[in-house]
Amino acid sequence: MLRFSWDYKDQFKEMSAGVEAPKGAQEKGGFPPALLAFLPAFYGLTPDETREIATIIVKVAYRQGQVVFDESSPGDALYVILRGRVDIRVGVGDEARTIASLPEGSILGELALLDQQTRSASAVASEETVLLRLETDEVHDLMSRGSVAAYKVIYNLGRVVAQRLRAVNKQLVNALSDSNQKGSEEEITELEKKLLTEWNF
C-alpha cells in the first residue's frame, strides 16, 4: 500500500525535528531532501530527482486554527504534513463539519496537481503545524522541461488517489449494505458503477 512509511516514523521525526519555520512564514527549500523518501508522493525518486523536487518545495508554518486553504478556492498546490495535524472540513459557518483529521506524513490537496479544479473541502491546522507546499505551476514547469522527477510525482499521486477511491467505495458500499433504509442491491451496484467508472452525479 502506498502510504507514509510508519516503520520509519521515528527516523522521520528525528530528521524533521530541526526543520522549523516562523509562524506564518514561507521558506523555499531549506530542509533535508532525504525527508521526501518517506512520503508517498516522492517514492521511487533517485537522490538527484529528490534534490530537484526539493528546490521547488516551500515550507510553511501554521498556527492552530489557521486556514491552509478554503473550500472552492483555486487548486494551486498540494501539501505534505511535515509536523502537526490538519483537519479537512466541508461546508461553511455552522454547517461546517470535519470529515478527516490528517497526521504528519499525510498528503492533502493532491488533486490540484492532477486536475487544477477548485478545492472540494477546506483544510485547517488543528495544532501548530509545518507543511511542505508543492505548487502546481512549479511541477508543470518541470514537466514541460521533461523532468522525470515531476512525472514520477504525478504517477505517485495518481496511485494515492486510486487507493483513496477504493477505500471510499468500500466504505460506502458497506454502509449501504448494512442499512435497510438505503435501497436495493441494484442501487448499491449503481453507486459502485458511478464511483469506479462514470463519476456522473
N, C-alpha and C. Protein backbone atom coordinates (compact mmCIF):
# COMPACT_ATOMS: atom_id res chain seq x y z
N MET A 1 0.85 -1.20 0.00
CA MET A 1 0.00 0.00 0.00
C MET A 1 0.88 1.25 0.00
N LEU A 2 0.52 2.20 -0.84
CA LEU A 2 1.31 3.42 -0.94
C LEU A 2 0.87 4.40 0.15
N ARG A 3 1.65 4.54 1.17
CA ARG A 3 1.30 5.44 2.25
C ARG A 3 2.57 5.83 2.99
N PHE A 4 2.39 6.71 3.96
CA PHE A 4 3.52 7.13 4.78
C PHE A 4 4.13 5.91 5.46
N SER A 5 5.44 5.79 5.38
CA SER A 5 6.13 4.61 5.94
C SER A 5 6.24 4.73 7.45
N TRP A 6 5.24 4.28 8.15
CA TRP A 6 5.25 4.40 9.61
C TRP A 6 6.35 3.57 10.23
N ASP A 7 6.89 2.58 9.50
CA ASP A 7 8.03 1.83 10.02
C ASP A 7 9.21 2.76 10.26
N TYR A 8 9.22 3.87 9.53
CA TYR A 8 10.32 4.82 9.63
C TYR A 8 9.89 6.11 10.34
N LYS A 9 8.77 6.01 11.08
CA LYS A 9 8.23 7.22 11.70
C LYS A 9 9.24 7.88 12.63
N ASP A 10 9.94 7.10 13.43
CA ASP A 10 10.91 7.67 14.37
C ASP A 10 12.03 8.39 13.62
N GLN A 11 12.49 7.78 12.52
CA GLN A 11 13.53 8.42 11.71
C GLN A 11 13.01 9.72 11.10
N PHE A 12 11.77 9.67 10.61
CA PHE A 12 11.16 10.85 10.01
C PHE A 12 11.08 11.98 11.04
N LYS A 13 10.62 11.64 12.24
CA LYS A 13 10.51 12.65 13.30
C LYS A 13 11.88 13.22 13.65
N GLU A 14 12.87 12.35 13.73
CA GLU A 14 14.21 12.80 14.09
C GLU A 14 14.77 13.73 13.02
N MET A 15 14.57 13.38 11.74
CA MET A 15 15.10 14.19 10.66
C MET A 15 14.39 15.53 10.55
N SER A 16 13.07 15.53 10.86
CA SER A 16 12.30 16.76 10.70
C SER A 16 12.31 17.63 11.95
N ALA A 17 12.94 17.14 13.03
CA ALA A 17 12.91 17.87 14.29
C ALA A 17 13.52 19.25 14.18
N GLY A 18 14.56 19.38 13.38
CA GLY A 18 15.21 20.68 13.25
C GLY A 18 14.65 21.55 12.16
N VAL A 19 13.61 21.06 11.47
CA VAL A 19 13.03 21.81 10.36
C VAL A 19 11.91 22.70 10.89
N GLU A 20 12.25 23.93 11.14
CA GLU A 20 11.29 24.88 11.69
C GLU A 20 11.10 26.05 10.73
N ALA A 21 10.00 26.75 10.91
CA ALA A 21 9.76 27.99 10.18
C ALA A 21 8.97 28.91 11.10
N PRO A 22 9.26 30.21 11.08
CA PRO A 22 8.49 31.13 11.91
C PRO A 22 7.01 31.02 11.57
N LYS A 23 6.16 31.20 12.55
CA LYS A 23 4.73 31.04 12.33
C LYS A 23 4.25 31.96 11.21
N GLY A 24 3.59 31.34 10.23
CA GLY A 24 3.07 32.09 9.10
C GLY A 24 4.09 32.35 8.01
N ALA A 25 5.35 31.98 8.26
CA ALA A 25 6.40 32.26 7.29
C ALA A 25 6.45 31.19 6.21
N GLN A 26 6.98 31.58 5.05
CA GLN A 26 7.20 30.65 3.97
C GLN A 26 8.67 30.66 3.61
N GLU A 27 9.22 29.47 3.40
CA GLU A 27 10.63 29.37 3.08
C GLU A 27 10.81 28.29 2.03
N LYS A 28 11.42 28.65 0.90
CA LYS A 28 11.62 27.70 -0.18
C LYS A 28 12.86 26.86 0.12
N GLY A 29 12.70 25.53 0.01
CA GLY A 29 13.82 24.65 0.31
C GLY A 29 14.18 24.70 1.78
N GLY A 30 15.45 24.51 2.08
CA GLY A 30 15.91 24.65 3.44
C GLY A 30 15.60 23.48 4.34
N PHE A 31 15.31 22.31 3.77
CA PHE A 31 15.08 21.13 4.59
C PHE A 31 15.75 19.95 3.88
N PRO A 32 16.04 18.87 4.61
CA PRO A 32 16.76 17.74 4.01
C PRO A 32 15.95 17.05 2.91
N PRO A 33 16.46 16.98 1.68
CA PRO A 33 15.74 16.28 0.62
C PRO A 33 15.45 14.82 0.98
N ALA A 34 16.29 14.22 1.82
CA ALA A 34 16.09 12.82 2.21
C ALA A 34 14.76 12.61 2.91
N LEU A 35 14.17 13.66 3.47
CA LEU A 35 12.85 13.55 4.10
C LEU A 35 11.81 13.05 3.12
N LEU A 36 11.95 13.46 1.86
CA LEU A 36 10.95 13.13 0.86
C LEU A 36 10.83 11.63 0.63
N ALA A 37 11.90 10.89 0.87
CA ALA A 37 11.89 9.45 0.64
C ALA A 37 10.86 8.72 1.49
N PHE A 38 10.41 9.35 2.59
CA PHE A 38 9.46 8.71 3.49
C PHE A 38 8.01 9.03 3.13
N LEU A 39 7.79 9.85 2.09
CA LEU A 39 6.46 10.34 1.78
C LEU A 39 5.95 9.76 0.46
N PRO A 40 4.69 9.31 0.42
CA PRO A 40 4.16 8.60 -0.75
C PRO A 40 4.31 9.34 -2.08
N ALA A 41 4.18 10.65 -2.08
CA ALA A 41 4.25 11.40 -3.33
C ALA A 41 5.62 11.34 -3.97
N PHE A 42 6.64 10.96 -3.19
CA PHE A 42 8.01 11.02 -3.69
C PHE A 42 8.72 9.67 -3.68
N TYR A 43 7.93 8.59 -3.53
CA TYR A 43 8.53 7.26 -3.59
C TYR A 43 9.14 7.01 -4.96
N GLY A 44 10.29 6.34 -4.99
CA GLY A 44 10.89 5.93 -6.24
C GLY A 44 11.77 6.97 -6.90
N LEU A 45 11.89 8.15 -6.31
CA LEU A 45 12.77 9.17 -6.88
C LEU A 45 14.23 8.86 -6.54
N THR A 46 15.11 9.08 -7.48
CA THR A 46 16.53 8.93 -7.23
C THR A 46 16.99 10.10 -6.35
N PRO A 47 18.17 10.01 -5.75
CA PRO A 47 18.68 11.14 -4.95
C PRO A 47 18.72 12.45 -5.74
N ASP A 48 19.15 12.38 -7.01
CA ASP A 48 19.19 13.60 -7.83
C ASP A 48 17.79 14.15 -8.09
N GLU A 49 16.84 13.25 -8.33
CA GLU A 49 15.45 13.67 -8.57
C GLU A 49 14.84 14.27 -7.31
N THR A 50 15.18 13.68 -6.17
CA THR A 50 14.68 14.20 -4.90
C THR A 50 15.21 15.62 -4.66
N ARG A 51 16.48 15.83 -4.96
CA ARG A 51 17.05 17.17 -4.80
C ARG A 51 16.39 18.17 -5.75
N GLU A 52 16.04 17.71 -6.95
CA GLU A 52 15.37 18.59 -7.92
C GLU A 52 14.02 19.04 -7.40
N ILE A 53 13.24 18.09 -6.87
CA ILE A 53 11.92 18.44 -6.33
C ILE A 53 12.06 19.30 -5.08
N ALA A 54 13.08 19.01 -4.27
CA ALA A 54 13.27 19.77 -3.02
C ALA A 54 13.48 21.25 -3.29
N THR A 55 14.05 21.60 -4.44
CA THR A 55 14.33 23.02 -4.73
C THR A 55 13.07 23.83 -4.98
N ILE A 56 11.94 23.16 -5.30
CA ILE A 56 10.71 23.91 -5.59
C ILE A 56 9.67 23.78 -4.47
N ILE A 57 10.02 23.06 -3.42
CA ILE A 57 9.08 22.91 -2.30
C ILE A 57 9.21 24.09 -1.35
N VAL A 58 8.06 24.59 -0.92
CA VAL A 58 8.02 25.69 0.05
C VAL A 58 7.56 25.14 1.39
N LYS A 59 8.28 25.50 2.44
CA LYS A 59 7.92 25.10 3.80
C LYS A 59 7.11 26.22 4.43
N VAL A 60 5.93 25.88 4.97
CA VAL A 60 5.04 26.89 5.55
C VAL A 60 4.61 26.46 6.95
N ALA A 61 4.66 27.38 7.89
CA ALA A 61 4.21 27.11 9.26
C ALA A 61 2.85 27.73 9.49
N TYR A 62 1.99 27.01 10.22
CA TYR A 62 0.63 27.46 10.52
C TYR A 62 0.38 27.40 12.02
N ARG A 63 -0.34 28.40 12.51
CA ARG A 63 -0.79 28.37 13.90
C ARG A 63 -2.02 27.50 14.02
N GLN A 64 -2.34 27.05 15.23
CA GLN A 64 -3.56 26.29 15.46
C GLN A 64 -4.77 27.13 15.03
N GLY A 65 -5.64 26.53 14.23
CA GLY A 65 -6.84 27.21 13.76
C GLY A 65 -6.66 28.00 12.48
N GLN A 66 -5.43 28.09 11.99
CA GLN A 66 -5.18 28.84 10.77
C GLN A 66 -5.59 28.02 9.54
N VAL A 67 -6.23 28.69 8.58
CA VAL A 67 -6.72 28.03 7.37
C VAL A 67 -5.57 27.81 6.39
N VAL A 68 -5.45 26.58 5.91
CA VAL A 68 -4.45 26.26 4.89
C VAL A 68 -5.02 26.61 3.52
N PHE A 69 -6.23 26.15 3.25
CA PHE A 69 -6.96 26.57 2.06
C PHE A 69 -8.45 26.41 2.30
N ASP A 70 -9.24 27.18 1.56
CA ASP A 70 -10.70 27.18 1.70
C ASP A 70 -11.36 26.33 0.63
N GLU A 71 -12.51 25.79 1.00
CA GLU A 71 -13.33 25.09 0.02
C GLU A 71 -13.68 26.04 -1.12
N SER A 72 -13.61 25.54 -2.34
CA SER A 72 -13.92 26.30 -3.57
C SER A 72 -12.82 27.28 -3.98
N SER A 73 -11.71 27.30 -3.24
CA SER A 73 -10.59 28.15 -3.65
C SER A 73 -9.81 27.44 -4.76
N PRO A 74 -8.98 28.16 -5.51
CA PRO A 74 -8.22 27.53 -6.60
C PRO A 74 -7.30 26.41 -6.11
N GLY A 75 -7.25 25.32 -6.86
CA GLY A 75 -6.36 24.22 -6.51
C GLY A 75 -4.98 24.47 -7.07
N ASP A 76 -4.18 25.24 -6.33
CA ASP A 76 -2.89 25.69 -6.86
C ASP A 76 -1.69 24.98 -6.26
N ALA A 77 -1.90 24.02 -5.35
CA ALA A 77 -0.76 23.35 -4.71
C ALA A 77 -1.24 22.13 -3.94
N LEU A 78 -0.31 21.20 -3.73
CA LEU A 78 -0.56 20.12 -2.78
C LEU A 78 0.30 20.37 -1.56
N TYR A 79 -0.05 19.72 -0.45
CA TYR A 79 0.67 19.89 0.80
C TYR A 79 1.00 18.53 1.40
N VAL A 80 2.13 18.48 2.10
CA VAL A 80 2.50 17.32 2.89
C VAL A 80 2.70 17.80 4.32
N ILE A 81 2.12 17.07 5.27
CA ILE A 81 2.23 17.47 6.68
C ILE A 81 3.57 16.99 7.22
N LEU A 82 4.47 17.93 7.42
CA LEU A 82 5.78 17.61 7.97
C LEU A 82 5.70 17.40 9.47
N ARG A 83 4.93 18.25 10.11
CA ARG A 83 4.72 18.12 11.55
C ARG A 83 3.39 18.76 11.92
N GLY A 84 2.65 18.12 12.84
CA GLY A 84 1.36 18.67 13.27
C GLY A 84 0.20 17.86 12.73
N ARG A 85 -0.96 18.50 12.59
CA ARG A 85 -2.18 17.83 12.15
C ARG A 85 -3.08 18.83 11.45
N VAL A 86 -3.80 18.36 10.43
CA VAL A 86 -4.70 19.23 9.66
C VAL A 86 -6.08 18.59 9.58
N ASP A 87 -7.11 19.37 9.88
CA ASP A 87 -8.49 18.90 9.75
C ASP A 87 -9.03 19.25 8.37
N ILE A 88 -9.72 18.31 7.75
CA ILE A 88 -10.39 18.54 6.48
C ILE A 88 -11.87 18.76 6.76
N ARG A 89 -12.40 19.88 6.30
CA ARG A 89 -13.78 20.26 6.61
C ARG A 89 -14.58 20.56 5.34
N VAL A 90 -15.87 20.25 5.40
CA VAL A 90 -16.77 20.59 4.31
C VAL A 90 -17.90 21.44 4.87
N GLY A 91 -18.41 22.35 4.04
CA GLY A 91 -19.45 23.27 4.49
C GLY A 91 -18.84 24.54 5.05
N VAL A 92 -19.71 25.52 5.29
CA VAL A 92 -19.27 26.80 5.82
C VAL A 92 -20.07 27.17 7.06
N GLY A 93 -19.47 28.01 7.89
CA GLY A 93 -20.16 28.51 9.08
C GLY A 93 -20.60 27.39 10.00
N ASP A 94 -21.85 27.48 10.47
CA ASP A 94 -22.39 26.47 11.38
C ASP A 94 -22.59 25.12 10.71
N GLU A 95 -22.61 25.12 9.37
CA GLU A 95 -22.81 23.89 8.62
C GLU A 95 -21.52 23.10 8.43
N ALA A 96 -20.38 23.70 8.75
CA ALA A 96 -19.09 23.05 8.52
C ALA A 96 -18.92 21.84 9.45
N ARG A 97 -18.36 20.77 8.90
CA ARG A 97 -18.08 19.59 9.73
C ARG A 97 -16.75 18.99 9.30
N THR A 98 -16.05 18.42 10.26
CA THR A 98 -14.76 17.80 10.00
C THR A 98 -14.98 16.38 9.51
N ILE A 99 -14.43 16.06 8.35
CA ILE A 99 -14.60 14.72 7.79
C ILE A 99 -13.33 13.87 7.91
N ALA A 100 -12.21 14.52 8.23
CA ALA A 100 -10.96 13.77 8.42
C ALA A 100 -9.99 14.63 9.21
N SER A 101 -9.12 13.98 9.97
CA SER A 101 -8.05 14.66 10.69
C SER A 101 -6.76 13.97 10.31
N LEU A 102 -5.91 14.68 9.55
CA LEU A 102 -4.73 14.07 8.94
C LEU A 102 -3.49 14.28 9.79
N PRO A 103 -2.73 13.22 10.06
CA PRO A 103 -1.50 13.32 10.85
C PRO A 103 -0.30 13.63 9.98
N GLU A 104 0.86 13.78 10.60
CA GLU A 104 2.09 14.07 9.85
C GLU A 104 2.39 12.94 8.87
N GLY A 105 2.94 13.32 7.73
CA GLY A 105 3.20 12.38 6.66
C GLY A 105 2.10 12.31 5.63
N SER A 106 0.91 12.87 5.97
CA SER A 106 -0.23 12.81 5.06
C SER A 106 -0.11 13.83 3.94
N ILE A 107 -0.74 13.50 2.81
CA ILE A 107 -0.83 14.41 1.67
C ILE A 107 -2.23 14.99 1.64
N LEU A 108 -2.35 16.27 1.35
CA LEU A 108 -3.66 16.88 1.15
C LEU A 108 -3.60 17.83 -0.04
N GLY A 109 -4.75 17.99 -0.69
CA GLY A 109 -4.82 18.88 -1.84
C GLY A 109 -4.15 18.32 -3.08
N GLU A 110 -3.97 16.99 -3.12
CA GLU A 110 -3.22 16.40 -4.23
C GLU A 110 -3.93 16.50 -5.58
N LEU A 111 -5.27 16.63 -5.56
CA LEU A 111 -5.98 16.74 -6.83
C LEU A 111 -5.59 18.00 -7.60
N ALA A 112 -5.04 18.99 -6.90
CA ALA A 112 -4.63 20.22 -7.56
C ALA A 112 -3.61 19.96 -8.66
N LEU A 113 -2.73 18.99 -8.43
CA LEU A 113 -1.71 18.70 -9.43
C LEU A 113 -2.23 17.85 -10.57
N LEU A 114 -3.42 17.24 -10.36
CA LEU A 114 -3.97 16.36 -11.38
C LEU A 114 -5.01 17.04 -12.26
N ASP A 115 -5.85 17.90 -11.66
CA ASP A 115 -6.91 18.49 -12.48
C ASP A 115 -7.03 20.01 -12.36
N GLN A 116 -6.35 20.63 -11.39
CA GLN A 116 -6.35 22.08 -11.22
C GLN A 116 -7.75 22.68 -11.04
N GLN A 117 -8.67 21.87 -10.52
CA GLN A 117 -10.01 22.37 -10.23
C GLN A 117 -10.04 23.02 -8.85
N THR A 118 -11.18 23.63 -8.49
CA THR A 118 -11.30 24.27 -7.19
C THR A 118 -11.36 23.22 -6.08
N ARG A 119 -11.02 23.65 -4.87
CA ARG A 119 -10.98 22.75 -3.73
C ARG A 119 -12.37 22.22 -3.39
N SER A 120 -12.44 20.94 -3.03
CA SER A 120 -13.72 20.33 -2.66
C SER A 120 -13.94 20.37 -1.15
N ALA A 121 -12.96 20.84 -0.40
CA ALA A 121 -13.07 20.93 1.06
C ALA A 121 -12.08 21.98 1.56
N SER A 122 -12.22 22.34 2.82
CA SER A 122 -11.28 23.28 3.45
C SER A 122 -10.28 22.49 4.30
N ALA A 123 -9.13 23.08 4.53
CA ALA A 123 -8.11 22.48 5.39
C ALA A 123 -7.71 23.49 6.45
N VAL A 124 -7.69 23.04 7.72
CA VAL A 124 -7.40 23.93 8.84
C VAL A 124 -6.40 23.24 9.78
N ALA A 125 -5.36 23.94 10.17
CA ALA A 125 -4.39 23.38 11.11
C ALA A 125 -5.06 23.21 12.48
N SER A 126 -5.06 21.99 12.98
CA SER A 126 -5.71 21.75 14.28
C SER A 126 -4.74 21.90 15.44
N GLU A 127 -3.46 22.12 15.12
CA GLU A 127 -2.43 22.40 16.12
C GLU A 127 -1.30 23.12 15.40
N GLU A 128 -0.25 23.46 16.12
CA GLU A 128 0.91 24.07 15.47
C GLU A 128 1.42 23.10 14.41
N THR A 129 1.51 23.56 13.17
CA THR A 129 1.75 22.66 12.05
C THR A 129 2.76 23.24 11.06
N VAL A 130 3.61 22.37 10.51
CA VAL A 130 4.53 22.76 9.44
C VAL A 130 4.21 21.89 8.23
N LEU A 131 3.96 22.54 7.10
CA LEU A 131 3.61 21.84 5.87
C LEU A 131 4.67 22.09 4.80
N LEU A 132 4.78 21.13 3.90
CA LEU A 132 5.54 21.32 2.67
C LEU A 132 4.53 21.61 1.56
N ARG A 133 4.77 22.68 0.82
CA ARG A 133 3.85 23.09 -0.24
C ARG A 133 4.53 22.90 -1.60
N LEU A 134 3.86 22.17 -2.48
CA LEU A 134 4.37 21.93 -3.83
C LEU A 134 3.38 22.54 -4.82
N GLU A 135 3.78 23.63 -5.45
CA GLU A 135 2.85 24.38 -6.30
C GLU A 135 2.67 23.72 -7.66
N THR A 136 1.42 23.74 -8.11
CA THR A 136 1.06 23.14 -9.39
C THR A 136 1.87 23.71 -10.54
N ASP A 137 2.01 25.02 -10.59
CA ASP A 137 2.74 25.66 -11.69
C ASP A 137 4.20 25.23 -11.73
N GLU A 138 4.79 25.05 -10.55
CA GLU A 138 6.19 24.63 -10.50
C GLU A 138 6.36 23.22 -11.06
N VAL A 139 5.45 22.33 -10.70
CA VAL A 139 5.53 20.95 -11.19
C VAL A 139 5.30 20.90 -12.69
N HIS A 140 4.31 21.64 -13.16
CA HIS A 140 4.03 21.65 -14.60
C HIS A 140 5.18 22.26 -15.39
N ASP A 141 5.86 23.23 -14.79
CA ASP A 141 7.02 23.81 -15.45
C ASP A 141 8.12 22.75 -15.61
N LEU A 142 8.34 21.97 -14.55
CA LEU A 142 9.32 20.89 -14.64
C LEU A 142 8.92 19.87 -15.71
N MET A 143 7.63 19.54 -15.75
CA MET A 143 7.15 18.58 -16.74
C MET A 143 7.37 19.09 -18.15
N SER A 144 7.15 20.39 -18.36
CA SER A 144 7.34 20.97 -19.70
C SER A 144 8.79 20.90 -20.14
N ARG A 145 9.69 20.76 -19.15
CA ARG A 145 11.11 20.65 -19.46
C ARG A 145 11.60 19.20 -19.43
N GLY A 146 10.62 18.28 -19.41
CA GLY A 146 10.96 16.86 -19.48
C GLY A 146 11.49 16.26 -18.21
N SER A 147 11.15 16.82 -17.07
CA SER A 147 11.64 16.32 -15.79
C SER A 147 11.02 14.96 -15.45
N VAL A 148 11.87 13.94 -15.31
CA VAL A 148 11.39 12.62 -14.91
C VAL A 148 10.86 12.67 -13.48
N ALA A 149 11.49 13.45 -12.63
CA ALA A 149 11.06 13.58 -11.23
C ALA A 149 9.61 14.05 -11.14
N ALA A 150 9.26 15.07 -11.93
CA ALA A 150 7.90 15.61 -11.91
C ALA A 150 6.89 14.56 -12.36
N TYR A 151 7.23 13.80 -13.39
CA TYR A 151 6.33 12.75 -13.86
C TYR A 151 6.17 11.64 -12.82
N LYS A 152 7.22 11.33 -12.10
CA LYS A 152 7.12 10.32 -11.04
C LYS A 152 6.19 10.80 -9.93
N VAL A 153 6.26 12.08 -9.59
CA VAL A 153 5.38 12.64 -8.55
C VAL A 153 3.92 12.52 -8.99
N ILE A 154 3.64 12.88 -10.24
CA ILE A 154 2.27 12.79 -10.75
C ILE A 154 1.78 11.34 -10.73
N TYR A 155 2.65 10.43 -11.13
CA TYR A 155 2.30 9.00 -11.12
C TYR A 155 1.97 8.54 -9.70
N ASN A 156 2.81 8.91 -8.75
CA ASN A 156 2.56 8.53 -7.35
C ASN A 156 1.25 9.10 -6.83
N LEU A 157 0.96 10.34 -7.21
CA LEU A 157 -0.29 10.95 -6.76
C LEU A 157 -1.50 10.22 -7.33
N GLY A 158 -1.38 9.78 -8.58
CA GLY A 158 -2.46 9.00 -9.17
C GLY A 158 -2.72 7.73 -8.38
N ARG A 159 -1.67 7.09 -7.91
CA ARG A 159 -1.81 5.88 -7.10
C ARG A 159 -2.45 6.20 -5.75
N VAL A 160 -2.06 7.33 -5.15
CA VAL A 160 -2.65 7.73 -3.87
C VAL A 160 -4.15 7.96 -4.04
N VAL A 161 -4.53 8.68 -5.10
CA VAL A 161 -5.95 8.96 -5.35
C VAL A 161 -6.72 7.67 -5.60
N ALA A 162 -6.13 6.75 -6.36
CA ALA A 162 -6.80 5.48 -6.64
C ALA A 162 -7.06 4.70 -5.36
N GLN A 163 -6.10 4.68 -4.46
CA GLN A 163 -6.29 3.97 -3.19
C GLN A 163 -7.38 4.61 -2.36
N ARG A 164 -7.42 5.94 -2.37
CA ARG A 164 -8.46 6.62 -1.60
C ARG A 164 -9.83 6.33 -2.18
N LEU A 165 -9.95 6.29 -3.50
CA LEU A 165 -11.23 5.98 -4.13
C LEU A 165 -11.70 4.58 -3.78
N ARG A 166 -10.77 3.63 -3.77
CA ARG A 166 -11.14 2.27 -3.41
C ARG A 166 -11.65 2.22 -1.96
N ALA A 167 -10.97 2.94 -1.08
CA ALA A 167 -11.37 2.95 0.33
C ALA A 167 -12.76 3.57 0.50
N VAL A 168 -12.99 4.69 -0.19
CA VAL A 168 -14.30 5.36 -0.11
C VAL A 168 -15.38 4.45 -0.67
N ASN A 169 -15.10 3.82 -1.81
CA ASN A 169 -16.06 2.92 -2.42
C ASN A 169 -16.44 1.79 -1.48
N LYS A 170 -15.44 1.19 -0.84
CA LYS A 170 -15.69 0.08 0.07
C LYS A 170 -16.53 0.53 1.26
N GLN A 171 -16.19 1.70 1.81
CA GLN A 171 -16.93 2.20 2.97
C GLN A 171 -18.39 2.49 2.62
N LEU A 172 -18.60 3.10 1.46
CA LEU A 172 -19.97 3.44 1.06
C LEU A 172 -20.80 2.20 0.78
N VAL A 173 -20.20 1.25 0.08
CA VAL A 173 -20.93 0.02 -0.22
C VAL A 173 -21.26 -0.74 1.05
N ASN A 174 -20.31 -0.81 1.99
CA ASN A 174 -20.57 -1.48 3.27
C ASN A 174 -21.68 -0.78 4.04
N ALA A 175 -21.65 0.55 4.01
CA ALA A 175 -22.68 1.31 4.73
C ALA A 175 -24.05 1.06 4.13
N LEU A 176 -24.11 1.05 2.81
CA LEU A 176 -25.40 0.81 2.15
C LEU A 176 -25.88 -0.62 2.36
N SER A 177 -24.96 -1.55 2.36
CA SER A 177 -25.32 -2.96 2.55
C SER A 177 -25.87 -3.21 3.95
N ASP A 178 -25.39 -2.45 4.92
CA ASP A 178 -25.80 -2.65 6.32
C ASP A 178 -27.06 -1.91 6.69
N SER A 179 -27.59 -1.11 5.77
CA SER A 179 -28.76 -0.30 6.11
C SER A 179 -29.95 -0.66 5.24
N ASN A 180 -31.08 -0.97 5.86
CA ASN A 180 -32.30 -1.28 5.12
C ASN A 180 -32.94 -0.03 4.53
N GLN A 181 -32.48 1.13 4.96
CA GLN A 181 -33.08 2.38 4.52
C GLN A 181 -32.39 2.94 3.28
N LYS A 182 -31.33 2.31 2.83
CA LYS A 182 -30.53 2.89 1.77
C LYS A 182 -30.81 2.31 0.39
N GLY A 183 -31.79 1.44 0.27
CA GLY A 183 -32.16 0.99 -1.07
C GLY A 183 -31.74 -0.42 -1.37
N SER A 184 -31.97 -0.81 -2.59
CA SER A 184 -31.82 -2.18 -3.04
C SER A 184 -30.39 -2.49 -3.46
N GLU A 185 -30.17 -3.78 -3.76
CA GLU A 185 -28.86 -4.22 -4.24
C GLU A 185 -28.53 -3.55 -5.57
N GLU A 186 -29.57 -3.31 -6.39
CA GLU A 186 -29.35 -2.64 -7.66
C GLU A 186 -28.82 -1.23 -7.46
N GLU A 187 -29.31 -0.53 -6.45
CA GLU A 187 -28.84 0.82 -6.16
C GLU A 187 -27.39 0.81 -5.70
N ILE A 188 -27.00 -0.21 -4.93
CA ILE A 188 -25.62 -0.33 -4.48
C ILE A 188 -24.70 -0.57 -5.68
N THR A 189 -25.16 -1.44 -6.58
CA THR A 189 -24.38 -1.72 -7.79
C THR A 189 -24.22 -0.46 -8.62
N GLU A 190 -25.29 0.33 -8.71
CA GLU A 190 -25.23 1.58 -9.47
C GLU A 190 -24.25 2.57 -8.84
N LEU A 191 -24.22 2.62 -7.50
CA LEU A 191 -23.27 3.50 -6.81
C LEU A 191 -21.83 3.07 -7.10
N GLU A 192 -21.59 1.76 -7.05
CA GLU A 192 -20.25 1.26 -7.36
C GLU A 192 -19.85 1.66 -8.78
N LYS A 193 -20.79 1.55 -9.70
CA LYS A 193 -20.50 1.90 -11.10
C LYS A 193 -20.12 3.36 -11.22
N LYS A 194 -20.85 4.23 -10.52
CA LYS A 194 -20.55 5.66 -10.59
C LYS A 194 -19.20 5.98 -9.97
N LEU A 195 -18.92 5.35 -8.83
CA LEU A 195 -17.67 5.63 -8.13
C LEU A 195 -16.46 5.15 -8.92
N LEU A 196 -16.60 4.00 -9.57
CA LEU A 196 -15.43 3.39 -10.21
C LEU A 196 -15.27 3.75 -11.67
N THR A 197 -16.35 4.14 -12.34
CA THR A 197 -16.22 4.37 -13.78
C THR A 197 -16.81 5.69 -14.26
N GLU A 198 -18.06 5.95 -13.95
CA GLU A 198 -18.75 7.06 -14.60
C GLU A 198 -18.47 8.43 -13.97
N TRP A 199 -18.55 8.49 -12.66
CA TRP A 199 -18.44 9.75 -11.94
C TRP A 199 -19.48 10.76 -12.39
N ASN A 200 -20.69 10.28 -12.68
CA ASN A 200 -21.78 11.17 -13.07
C ASN A 200 -22.76 11.30 -11.91
N PHE A 201 -22.68 12.42 -11.20
CA PHE A 201 -23.56 12.65 -10.04
C PHE A 201 -24.40 13.89 -10.27
